[in-house]
Amino acid sequence: MDMKKILEDFDDAYNQAFNRGDAEGCAAFFTDDVILLAPGQPMTRGKQAFLDTYRSRMRDSGGGTHSNELVEFGVEGDMAYQVGTFAVTGATPSERGSFVNVLKRQPDGTWKVAVSIFNHDRPQDA
């Protein structure tokens, strides 16, 4: 199993869904009981809360282009983690930040994010 390739393909497909404004497409990469820790918001659990958060993010990004860069990862059995950076460019305001995902291998062999935390980078002049 080439976990780096799995995560890169995962990120590519996720970014495509985000860039289409497809919150449901993004949600497909997350477990039904996903725990989401988004910046400036209380922790949420579940697909509906994920969808609510992502619909708002997509509406606020106004058609920006989302990208991820894999920084580090690891896998142990049916659990994996992913550390990376993200950006939404071409939007007002643009976004840059970092994220950590905890993934679980599903019964069909695919991987889905069970816990996701992301943070925005602090503006240079703050």
Protein backbone atom coordinates (compact mmCIF):
# COMPACT_ATOMS: atom_id res chain seq x y z
CA MET A 1 0.00 0.00 0.00
CA ASP A 2 1.42 3.37 -1.06
CA MET A 3 -0.17 5.66 1.52
CA LYS A 4 1.47 8.76 0.06
CA LYS A 5 -0.22 8.09 -3.32
CA ILE A 6 -3.53 7.30 -1.60
CA LEU A 7 -3.41 10.65 0.25
CA GLU A 8 -2.34 12.62 -2.81
CA ASP A 9 -5.17 11.09 -4.89
CA PHE A 10 -7.56 11.71 -1.97
CA ASP A 11 -6.52 15.38 -1.80
CA ASP A 12 -6.80 15.82 -5.58
CA ALA A 13 -10.36 14.45 -5.63
CA TYR A 14 -11.33 16.46 -2.53
CA ASN A 15 -9.92 19.67 -4.07
CA GLN A 16 -11.87 19.06 -7.28
CA ALA A 17 -15.11 18.70 -5.28
CA PHE A 18 -14.37 21.85 -3.26
CA ASN A 19 -13.53 23.80 -6.41
CA ARG A 20 -16.86 22.76 -7.96
CA GLY A 21 -18.63 24.09 -4.85
CA ASP A 22 -19.77 20.52 -4.11
CA ALA A 23 -20.07 20.22 -0.31
CA GLU A 24 -21.68 16.77 -0.67
CA GLY A 25 -18.73 15.67 -2.81
CA CYS A 26 -16.33 16.84 -0.10
CA ALA A 27 -18.40 15.10 2.59
CA ALA A 28 -17.95 11.79 0.75
CA PHE A 29 -14.34 11.74 1.98
CA PHE A 30 -15.41 11.91 5.65
CA THR A 31 -17.02 9.37 7.98
CA ASP A 32 -20.69 9.74 8.93
CA ASP A 33 -19.67 10.66 12.48
CA VAL A 34 -16.78 12.97 11.51
CA ILE A 35 -15.49 15.32 14.20
CA LEU A 36 -14.67 18.71 12.71
CA LEU A 37 -12.64 21.37 14.48
CA ALA A 38 -12.87 24.42 12.21
CA PRO A 39 -11.28 27.78 13.09
CA GLY A 40 -13.39 30.10 15.20
CA GLN A 41 -16.19 27.55 15.60
CA PRO A 42 -17.21 25.01 18.22
CA MET A 43 -16.34 21.39 17.61
CA THR A 44 -19.01 19.58 15.58
CA ARG A 45 -19.83 15.94 14.91
CA GLY A 46 -21.56 14.30 11.98
CA LYS A 47 -22.12 14.74 8.26
CA GLN A 48 -24.86 17.36 8.57
CA ALA A 49 -22.67 19.64 10.68
CA PHE A 50 -19.84 19.08 8.20
CA LEU A 51 -22.14 20.03 5.31
CA ASP A 52 -23.34 23.16 7.10
CA THR A 53 -19.76 24.28 7.74
CA TYR A 54 -18.57 23.53 4.22
CA ARG A 55 -21.52 25.14 2.48
CA SER A 56 -20.74 28.30 4.43
CA ARG A 57 -17.00 28.08 3.59
CA MET A 58 -17.73 27.61 -0.10
CA ARG A 59 -20.20 30.47 -0.13
CA ASP A 60 -17.62 32.70 1.60
CA SER A 61 -14.77 31.65 -0.73
CA GLY A 62 -16.73 32.88 -3.76
CA GLY A 63 -15.23 30.53 -6.32
CA GLY A 64 -11.66 30.36 -5.08
CA THR A 65 -9.38 27.45 -5.89
CA HIS A 66 -8.61 25.06 -3.03
CA SER A 67 -5.28 23.21 -2.89
CA ASN A 68 -3.52 21.01 -0.35
CA GLU A 69 0.12 20.17 0.19
CA LEU A 70 1.02 16.99 2.05
CA VAL A 71 3.68 17.64 4.71
CA GLU A 72 3.74 14.40 6.70
CA PHE A 73 1.75 11.22 7.15
CA GLY A 74 1.80 7.92 8.93
CA VAL A 75 -0.21 4.73 9.01
CA GLU A 76 -0.63 2.01 11.60
CA GLY A 77 -3.10 -0.74 10.80
CA ASP A 78 -6.51 0.74 10.00
CA MET A 79 -5.63 4.25 11.22
CA ALA A 80 -3.60 6.94 9.50
CA TYR A 81 -2.82 10.60 9.96
CA GLN A 82 -2.14 13.37 7.51
CA VAL A 83 -0.53 16.75 8.18
CA GLY A 84 -0.58 19.41 5.51
CA THR A 85 -1.14 22.94 4.41
CA PHE A 86 -4.03 24.33 2.41
CA ALA A 87 -4.84 27.45 0.46
CA VAL A 88 -7.90 28.94 -1.16
CA THR A 89 -6.63 31.39 -3.78
CA GLY A 90 -8.60 33.65 -6.09
CA ALA A 91 -11.17 34.32 -3.37
CA THR A 92 -11.82 37.37 -1.25
CA PRO A 93 -10.58 36.88 1.33
CA SER A 94 -8.07 34.20 0.40
CA GLU A 95 -7.26 31.49 2.95
CA ARG A 96 -4.03 29.81 3.99
CA GLY A 97 -3.56 27.42 6.83
CA SER A 98 -2.66 23.99 8.07
CA PHE A 99 -4.59 20.85 8.88
CA VAL A 100 -4.39 17.47 10.57
CA ASN A 101 -6.66 14.62 9.52
CA VAL A 102 -7.10 11.29 11.28
CA LEU A 103 -8.27 8.68 8.79
CA LYS A 104 -9.87 5.25 9.28
CA ARG A 105 -9.77 2.44 6.77
CA GLN A 106 -13.34 1.50 5.86
CA PRO A 107 -14.60 -2.10 5.46
CA ASP A 108 -14.36 -1.71 1.66
CA GLY A 109 -10.64 -0.78 1.96
CA THR A 110 -11.06 2.95 1.26
CA TRP A 111 -9.91 5.62 3.70
CA LYS A 112 -12.13 8.32 5.19
CA VAL A 113 -11.39 11.20 7.54
CA ALA A 114 -12.79 10.61 11.03
CA VAL A 115 -11.31 13.73 12.67
CA SER A 116 -10.28 16.94 10.94
CA ILE A 117 -8.80 20.07 12.43
CA PHE A 118 -7.72 23.07 10.39
CA ASN A 119 -6.44 26.50 11.28
CA HIS A 120 -5.86 29.71 9.38
CA ASP A 121 -2.43 31.24 9.25
CA ARG A 122 -2.18 34.51 11.10
CA PRO A 123 -1.87 37.51 8.79
CA GLN A 124 1.69 38.82 8.56
CA ASP A 125 0.75 42.17 10.09
CA ALA A 126 -1.26 40.78 13.02
